[in-house]
Amino acid sequence: MEALAGTARLSWSFSRVATLNGGYSYIRQDSQVEPFEDLSYSRYFLGLALQLYRSGEEPRDPAHAGETDDDEPDAQ
């Protein structure tokens, strides 16, 4: 029996809460067993992922490193 498999995937995040996913898979499988000589197939897939819940802290922008987030002025 000989087998070969490959997959390519793409993901595109077009907003903070939605991502489009897609891809292609190819499976090639040859066998010496008579009813299963060629079990090769291709598979395409497309999906939409939506964020339903967010928790935790968000990463900071490195351009704002060292800045504080407090709204109160410094005591003098």
PDB file of N, CA and C in Angstrom:
ATOM      1  N   MET A   1       0.845  -1.177   0.000  1.00  0.00           N
ATOM      2  CA  MET A   1       0.000   0.000   0.000  1.00  0.00           C
ATOM      3  C   MET A   1       0.889   1.239   0.000  1.00  0.00           C
ATOM      4  N   GLU A   2       0.543   2.218  -0.827  1.00  0.00           N
ATOM      5  CA  GLU A   2       1.242   3.491  -0.895  1.00  0.00           C
ATOM      6  C   GLU A   2       0.253   4.606  -0.585  1.00  0.00           C
ATOM      7  N   ALA A   3       0.728   5.631   0.119  1.00  0.00           N
ATOM      8  CA  ALA A   3      -0.162   6.740   0.481  1.00  0.00           C
ATOM      9  C   ALA A   3       0.589   8.065   0.414  1.00  0.00           C
ATOM     10  N   LEU A   4      -0.131   9.116   0.086  1.00  0.00           N
ATOM     11  CA  LEU A   4       0.409  10.465   0.003  1.00  0.00           C
ATOM     12  C   LEU A   4      -0.714  11.423   0.405  1.00  0.00           C
ATOM     13  N   ALA A   5      -0.397  12.427   1.194  1.00  0.00           N
ATOM     14  CA  ALA A   5      -1.410  13.395   1.627  1.00  0.00           C
ATOM     15  C   ALA A   5      -0.794  14.788   1.677  1.00  0.00           C
ATOM     16  N   GLY A   6      -1.583  15.789   1.338  1.00  0.00           N
ATOM     17  CA  GLY A   6      -1.130  17.177   1.402  1.00  0.00           C
ATOM     18  C   GLY A   6      -2.308  18.098   1.672  1.00  0.00           C
ATOM     19  N   THR A   7      -2.050  19.175   2.398  1.00  0.00           N
ATOM     20  CA  THR A   7      -3.093  20.140   2.749  1.00  0.00           C
ATOM     21  C   THR A   7      -2.547  21.555   2.642  1.00  0.00           C
ATOM     22  N   ALA A   8      -3.349  22.455   2.101  1.00  0.00           N
ATOM     23  CA  ALA A   8      -3.030  23.885   2.065  1.00  0.00           C
ATOM     24  C   ALA A   8      -4.190  24.629   2.711  1.00  0.00           C
ATOM     25  N   ARG A   9      -3.887  25.562   3.624  1.00  0.00           N
ATOM     26  CA  ARG A   9      -4.942  26.314   4.323  1.00  0.00           C
ATOM     27  C   ARG A   9      -4.657  27.806   4.250  1.00  0.00           C
ATOM     28  N   LEU A  10      -5.726  28.586   4.210  1.00  0.00           N
ATOM     29  CA  LEU A  10      -5.644  30.043   4.227  1.00  0.00           C
ATOM     30  C   LEU A  10      -6.628  30.568   5.260  1.00  0.00           C
ATOM     31  N   SER A  11      -6.262  31.684   5.871  1.00  0.00           N
ATOM     32  CA  SER A  11      -7.134  32.311   6.856  1.00  0.00           C
ATOM     33  C   SER A  11      -7.052  33.825   6.663  1.00  0.00           C
ATOM     34  N   TRP A  12      -8.205  34.488   6.664  1.00  0.00           N
ATOM     35  CA  TRP A  12      -8.255  35.933   6.482  1.00  0.00           C
ATOM     36  C   TRP A  12      -9.174  36.517   7.551  1.00  0.00           C
ATOM     37  N   SER A  13      -8.620  37.360   8.405  1.00  0.00           N
ATOM     38  CA  SER A  13      -9.383  38.011   9.460  1.00  0.00           C
ATOM     39  C   SER A  13      -9.809  39.383   8.950  1.00  0.00           C
ATOM     40  N   PHE A  14     -11.099  39.539   8.635  1.00  0.00           N
ATOM     41  CA  PHE A  14     -11.551  40.787   8.042  1.00  0.00           C
ATOM     42  C   PHE A  14     -12.234  41.719   9.035  1.00  0.00           C
ATOM     43  N   SER A  15     -12.324  41.320  10.291  1.00  0.00           N
ATOM     44  CA  SER A  15     -12.778  42.212  11.361  1.00  0.00           C
ATOM     45  C   SER A  15     -12.270  41.630  12.681  1.00  0.00           C
ATOM     46  N   ARG A  16     -12.537  42.318  13.788  1.00  0.00           N
ATOM     47  CA  ARG A  16     -12.058  41.815  15.089  1.00  0.00           C
ATOM     48  C   ARG A  16     -12.804  40.579  15.539  1.00  0.00           C
ATOM     49  N   VAL A  17     -13.985  40.332  14.969  1.00  0.00           N
ATOM     50  CA  VAL A  17     -14.811  39.217  15.440  1.00  0.00           C
ATOM     51  C   VAL A  17     -15.083  38.149  14.383  1.00  0.00           C
ATOM     52  N   ALA A  18     -14.554  38.298  13.165  1.00  0.00           N
ATOM     53  CA  ALA A  18     -14.859  37.329  12.110  1.00  0.00           C
ATOM     54  C   ALA A  18     -13.611  36.964  11.308  1.00  0.00           C
ATOM     55  N   THR A  19     -13.481  35.683  11.007  1.00  0.00           N
ATOM     56  CA  THR A  19     -12.368  35.168  10.222  1.00  0.00           C
ATOM     57  C   THR A  19     -12.903  34.176   9.199  1.00  0.00           C
ATOM     58  N   LEU A  20     -12.405  34.276   7.969  1.00  0.00           N
ATOM     59  CA  LEU A  20     -12.773  33.354   6.908  1.00  0.00           C
ATOM     60  C   LEU A  20     -11.633  32.349   6.741  1.00  0.00           C
ATOM     61  N   ASN A  21     -11.956  31.056   6.776  1.00  0.00           N
ATOM     62  CA  ASN A  21     -10.966  29.998   6.656  1.00  0.00           C
ATOM     63  C   ASN A  21     -11.301  29.146   5.436  1.00  0.00           C
ATOM     64  N   GLY A  22     -10.265  28.715   4.727  1.00  0.00           N
ATOM     65  CA  GLY A  22     -10.491  27.858   3.571  1.00  0.00           C
ATOM     66  C   GLY A  22      -9.264  27.017   3.297  1.00  0.00           C
ATOM     67  N   GLY A  23      -9.442  25.997   2.468  1.00  0.00           N
ATOM     68  CA  GLY A  23      -8.300  25.167   2.146  1.00  0.00           C
ATOM     69  C   GLY A  23      -8.629  24.043   1.194  1.00  0.00           C
ATOM     70  N   TYR A  24      -7.607  23.249   0.923  1.00  0.00           N
ATOM     71  CA  TYR A  24      -7.684  22.136  -0.013  1.00  0.00           C
ATOM     72  C   TYR A  24      -6.820  20.999   0.525  1.00  0.00           C
ATOM     73  N   SER A  25      -7.344  19.791   0.447  1.00  0.00           N
ATOM     74  CA  SER A  25      -6.590  18.599   0.838  1.00  0.00           C
ATOM     75  C   SER A  25      -6.645  17.586  -0.294  1.00  0.00           C
ATOM     76  N   TYR A  26      -5.543  16.893  -0.505  1.00  0.00           N
ATOM     77  CA  TYR A  26      -5.494  15.823  -1.497  1.00  0.00           C
ATOM     78  C   TYR A  26      -4.941  14.573  -0.818  1.00  0.00           C
ATOM     79  N   ILE A  27      -5.640  13.481  -0.975  1.00  0.00           N
ATOM     80  CA  ILE A  27      -5.231  12.197  -0.414  1.00  0.00           C
ATOM     81  C   ILE A  27      -5.101  11.211  -1.568  1.00  0.00           C
ATOM     82  N   ARG A  28      -3.945  10.578  -1.692  1.00  0.00           N
ATOM     83  CA  ARG A  28      -3.747   9.537  -2.701  1.00  0.00           C
ATOM     84  C   ARG A  28      -3.376   8.261  -1.970  1.00  0.00           C
ATOM     85  N   GLN A  29      -4.126   7.224  -2.240  1.00  0.00           N
ATOM     86  CA  GLN A  29      -3.896   5.954  -1.570  1.00  0.00           C
ATOM     87  C   GLN A  29      -4.116   4.819  -2.570  1.00  0.00           C
ATOM     88  N   ASP A  30      -3.068   4.062  -2.834  1.00  0.00           N
ATOM     89  CA  ASP A  30      -3.135   2.905  -3.722  1.00  0.00           C
ATOM     90  C   ASP A  30      -2.967   1.643  -2.894  1.00  0.00           C
ATOM     91  N   SER A  31      -3.735   0.620  -3.238  1.00  0.00           N
ATOM     92  CA  SER A  31      -3.699  -0.622  -2.492  1.00  0.00           C
ATOM     93  C   SER A  31      -3.669  -1.809  -3.447  1.00  0.00           C
ATOM     94  N   GLN A  32      -3.201  -2.931  -2.978  1.00  0.00           N
ATOM     95  CA  GLN A  32      -3.182  -4.161  -3.763  1.00  0.00           C
ATOM     96  C   GLN A  32      -4.465  -4.977  -3.556  1.00  0.00           C
ATOM     97  N   VAL A  33      -5.317  -4.563  -2.630  1.00  0.00           N
ATOM     98  CA  VAL A  33      -6.573  -5.256  -2.366  1.00  0.00           C
ATOM     99  C   VAL A  33      -7.578  -4.845  -3.443  1.00  0.00           C
ATOM    100  N   GLU A  34      -8.182  -5.819  -4.103  1.00  0.00           N
ATOM    101  CA  GLU A  34      -8.969  -5.559  -5.306  1.00  0.00           C
ATOM    102  C   GLU A  34     -10.106  -4.548  -5.161  1.00  0.00           C
ATOM    103  N   PRO A  35     -10.994  -4.596  -4.192  1.00  0.00           N
ATOM    104  CA  PRO A  35     -12.063  -3.591  -4.193  1.00  0.00           C
ATOM    105  C   PRO A  35     -11.593  -2.193  -3.780  1.00  0.00           C
ATOM    106  N   PHE A  36     -10.372  -2.079  -3.259  1.00  0.00           N
ATOM    107  CA  PHE A  36      -9.878  -0.786  -2.758  1.00  0.00           C
ATOM    108  C   PHE A  36      -8.608  -0.344  -3.474  1.00  0.00           C
ATOM    109  N   GLU A  37      -8.525  -0.563  -4.799  1.00  0.00           N
ATOM    110  CA  GLU A  37      -7.295  -0.237  -5.518  1.00  0.00           C
ATOM    111  C   GLU A  37      -6.967   1.253  -5.509  1.00  0.00           C
ATOM    112  N   ASP A  38      -7.982   2.094  -5.648  1.00  0.00           N
ATOM    113  CA  ASP A  38      -7.749   3.542  -5.713  1.00  0.00           C
ATOM    114  C   ASP A  38      -8.688   4.241  -4.737  1.00  0.00           C
ATOM    115  N   LEU A  39      -8.140   4.733  -3.653  1.00  0.00           N
ATOM    116  CA  LEU A  39      -8.935   5.454  -2.655  1.00  0.00           C
ATOM    117  C   LEU A  39      -8.552   6.936  -2.610  1.00  0.00           C
ATOM    118  N   SER A  40      -8.160   7.498  -3.752  1.00  0.00           N
ATOM    119  CA  SER A  40      -7.720   8.887  -3.821  1.00  0.00           C
ATOM    120  C   SER A  40      -8.921   9.831  -3.885  1.00  0.00           C
ATOM    121  N   TYR A  41      -8.768  10.996  -3.257  1.00  0.00           N
ATOM    122  CA  TYR A  41      -9.830  12.002  -3.319  1.00  0.00           C
ATOM    123  C   TYR A  41      -9.274  13.378  -2.996  1.00  0.00           C
ATOM    124  N   SER A  42     -10.024  14.401  -3.400  1.00  0.00           N
ATOM    125  CA  SER A  42      -9.717  15.797  -3.089  1.00  0.00           C
ATOM    126  C   SER A  42     -10.816  16.329  -2.180  1.00  0.00           C
ATOM    127  N   ARG A  43     -10.444  17.268  -1.320  1.00  0.00           N
ATOM    128  CA  ARG A  43     -11.422  17.862  -0.412  1.00  0.00           C
ATOM    129  C   ARG A  43     -11.166  19.363  -0.347  1.00  0.00           C
ATOM    130  N   TYR A  44     -12.214  20.144  -0.547  1.00  0.00           N
ATOM    131  CA  TYR A  44     -12.164  21.595  -0.412  1.00  0.00           C
ATOM    132  C   TYR A  44     -12.998  21.971   0.811  1.00  0.00           C
ATOM    133  N   PHE A  45     -12.587  22.996   1.526  1.00  0.00           N
ATOM    134  CA  PHE A  45     -13.392  23.414   2.666  1.00  0.00           C
ATOM    135  C   PHE A  45     -13.337  24.930   2.821  1.00  0.00           C
ATOM    136  N   LEU A  46     -14.442  25.478   3.323  1.00  0.00           N
ATOM    137  CA  LEU A  46     -14.587  26.908   3.545  1.00  0.00           C
ATOM    138  C   LEU A  46     -15.373  27.090   4.836  1.00  0.00           C
ATOM    139  N   GLY A  47     -14.909  27.971   5.699  1.00  0.00           N
ATOM    140  CA  GLY A  47     -15.585  28.180   6.976  1.00  0.00           C
ATOM    141  C   GLY A  47     -15.535  29.630   7.416  1.00  0.00           C
ATOM    142  N   LEU A  48     -16.465  29.996   8.241  1.00  0.00           N
ATOM    143  CA  LEU A  48     -16.534  31.329   8.827  1.00  0.00           C
ATOM    144  C   LEU A  48     -16.509  31.169  10.339  1.00  0.00           C
ATOM    145  N   ALA A  49     -15.541  31.794  10.994  1.00  0.00           N
ATOM    146  CA  ALA A  49     -15.419  31.723  12.451  1.00  0.00           C
ATOM    147  C   ALA A  49     -15.834  33.076  13.039  1.00  0.00           C
ATOM    148  N   LEU A  50     -16.764  33.034  13.964  1.00  0.00           N
ATOM    149  CA  LEU A  50     -17.238  34.247  14.640  1.00  0.00           C
ATOM    150  C   LEU A  50     -16.874  34.178  16.118  1.00  0.00           C
ATOM    151  N   GLN A  51     -16.354  35.269  16.640  1.00  0.00           N
ATOM    152  CA  GLN A  51     -16.001  35.334  18.058  1.00  0.00           C
ATOM    153  C   GLN A  51     -17.250  35.668  18.861  1.00  0.00           C
ATOM    154  N   LEU A  52     -17.587  34.807  19.792  1.00  0.00           N
ATOM    155  CA  LEU A  52     -18.780  35.013  20.596  1.00  0.00           C
ATOM    156  C   LEU A  52     -18.483  35.616  21.965  1.00  0.00           C
ATOM    157  N   TYR A  53     -17.259  35.433  22.448  1.00  0.00           N
ATOM    158  CA  TYR A  53     -16.926  35.874  23.796  1.00  0.00           C
ATOM    159  C   TYR A  53     -15.452  36.236  23.841  1.00  0.00           C
ATOM    160  N   ARG A  54     -15.114  37.286  24.589  1.00  0.00           N
ATOM    161  CA  ARG A  54     -13.717  37.705  24.736  1.00  0.00           C
ATOM    162  C   ARG A  54     -13.454  37.951  26.211  1.00  0.00           C
ATOM    163  N   SER A  55     -12.332  37.435  26.693  1.00  0.00           N
ATOM    164  CA  SER A  55     -11.944  37.685  28.081  1.00  0.00           C
ATOM    165  C   SER A  55     -10.434  37.854  28.149  1.00  0.00           C
ATOM    166  N   GLY A  56      -9.976  38.355  29.253  1.00  0.00           N
ATOM    167  CA  GLY A  56      -8.542  38.534  29.426  1.00  0.00           C
ATOM    168  C   GLY A  56      -8.070  39.876  28.903  1.00  0.00           C
ATOM    169  N   GLU A  57      -6.774  40.070  28.977  1.00  0.00           N
ATOM    170  CA  GLU A  57      -6.185  41.325  28.541  1.00  0.00           C
ATOM    171  C   GLU A  57      -5.808  41.252  27.076  1.00  0.00           C
ATOM    172  N   GLU A  58      -5.881  42.398  26.417  1.00  0.00           N
ATOM    173  CA  GLU A  58      -5.457  42.476  25.029  1.00  0.00           C
ATOM    174  C   GLU A  58      -4.002  42.926  24.991  1.00  0.00           C
ATOM    175  N   PRO A  59      -3.241  42.472  24.017  1.00  0.00           N
ATOM    176  CA  PRO A  59      -1.836  42.894  23.914  1.00  0.00           C
ATOM    177  C   PRO A  59      -1.740  44.389  23.613  1.00  0.00           C
ATOM    178  N   ARG A  60      -0.690  45.012  24.124  1.00  0.00           N
ATOM    179  CA  ARG A  60      -0.471  46.441  23.899  1.00  0.00           C
ATOM    180  C   ARG A  60       0.295  46.670  22.610  1.00  0.00           C
ATOM    181  N   ASP A  61       0.054  47.811  22.018  1.00  0.00           N
ATOM    182  CA  ASP A  61       0.780  48.219  20.826  1.00  0.00           C
ATOM    183  C   ASP A  61       2.210  48.578  21.232  1.00  0.00           C
ATOM    184  N   PRO A  62       3.236  47.981  20.613  1.00  0.00           N
ATOM    185  CA  PRO A  62       4.625  48.295  20.983  1.00  0.00           C
ATOM    186  C   PRO A  62       4.981  49.770  20.802  1.00  0.00           C
ATOM    187  N   ALA A  63       4.261  50.495  19.962  1.00  0.00           N
ATOM    188  CA  ALA A  63       4.538  51.915  19.752  1.00  0.00           C
ATOM    189  C   ALA A  63       4.217  52.737  21.008  1.00  0.00           C
ATOM    190  N   HIS A  64       3.372  52.191  21.877  1.00  0.00           N
ATOM    191  CA  HIS A  64       2.992  52.899  23.101  1.00  0.00           C
ATOM    192  C   HIS A  64       3.677  52.313  24.335  1.00  0.00           C
ATOM    193  N   ALA A  65       4.776  51.642  24.167  1.00  0.00           N
ATOM    194  CA  ALA A  65       5.487  51.023  25.294  1.00  0.00           C
ATOM    195  C   ALA A  65       5.965  52.096  26.269  1.00  0.00           C
ATOM    196  N   GLY A  66       5.792  51.841  27.538  1.00  0.00           N
ATOM    197  CA  GLY A  66       6.237  52.778  28.567  1.00  0.00           C
ATOM    198  C   GLY A  66       5.196  53.806  28.970  1.00  0.00           C
ATOM    199  N   GLU A  67       4.119  53.925  28.236  1.00  0.00           N
ATOM    200  CA  GLU A  67       3.063  54.873  28.589  1.00  0.00           C
ATOM    201  C   GLU A  67       2.167  54.255  29.650  1.00  0.00           C
ATOM    202  N   THR A  68       1.611  55.097  30.505  1.00  0.00           N
ATOM    203  CA  THR A  68       0.683  54.602  31.528  1.00  0.00           C
ATOM    204  C   THR A  68      -0.742  54.821  31.065  1.00  0.00           C
ATOM    205  N   ASP A  69      -1.646  54.042  31.632  1.00  0.00           N
ATOM    206  CA  ASP A  69      -3.050  54.144  31.262  1.00  0.00           C
ATOM    207  C   ASP A  69      -3.888  54.915  32.269  1.00  0.00           C
ATOM    208  N   ASP A  70      -3.269  55.392  33.367  1.00  0.00           N
ATOM    209  CA  ASP A  70      -4.069  56.077  34.383  1.00  0.00           C
ATOM    210  C   ASP A  70      -4.466  57.475  33.912  1.00  0.00           C
ATOM    211  N   ASP A  71      -5.648  57.882  34.313  1.00  0.00           N
ATOM    212  CA  ASP A  71      -6.183  59.184  33.899  1.00  0.00           C
ATOM    213  C   ASP A  71      -5.869  60.287  34.889  1.00  0.00           C
ATOM    214  N   GLU A  72      -5.331  59.957  36.056  1.00  0.00           N
ATOM    215  CA  GLU A  72      -5.048  60.954  37.076  1.00  0.00           C
ATOM    216  C   GLU A  72      -3.679  61.592  36.800  1.00  0.00           C
ATOM    217  N   PRO A  73      -3.587  62.904  37.031  1.00  0.00           N
ATOM    218  CA  PRO A  73      -2.286  63.571  36.839  1.00  0.00           C
ATOM    219  C   PRO A  73      -1.294  63.159  37.931  1.00  0.00           C
ATOM    220  N   ASP A  74      -0.024  63.277  37.631  1.00  0.00           N
ATOM    221  CA  ASP A  74       1.018  62.935  38.621  1.00  0.00           C
ATOM    222  C   ASP A  74       0.973  63.933  39.773  1.00  0.00           C
ATOM    223  N   ALA A  75       1.176  63.436  41.011  1.00  0.00           N
ATOM    224  CA  ALA A  75       1.199  64.298  42.200  1.00  0.00           C
ATOM    225  C   ALA A  75       2.507  65.076  42.217  1.00  0.00           C
ATOM    226  N   GLN A  76       2.403  66.357  42.588  1.00  0.00           N
ATOM    227  CA  GLN A  76       3.632  67.188  42.636  1.00  0.00           C
ATOM    228  C   GLN A  76       3.849  67.738  44.008  1.00  0.00           C
TER     229      GLN A  76
END
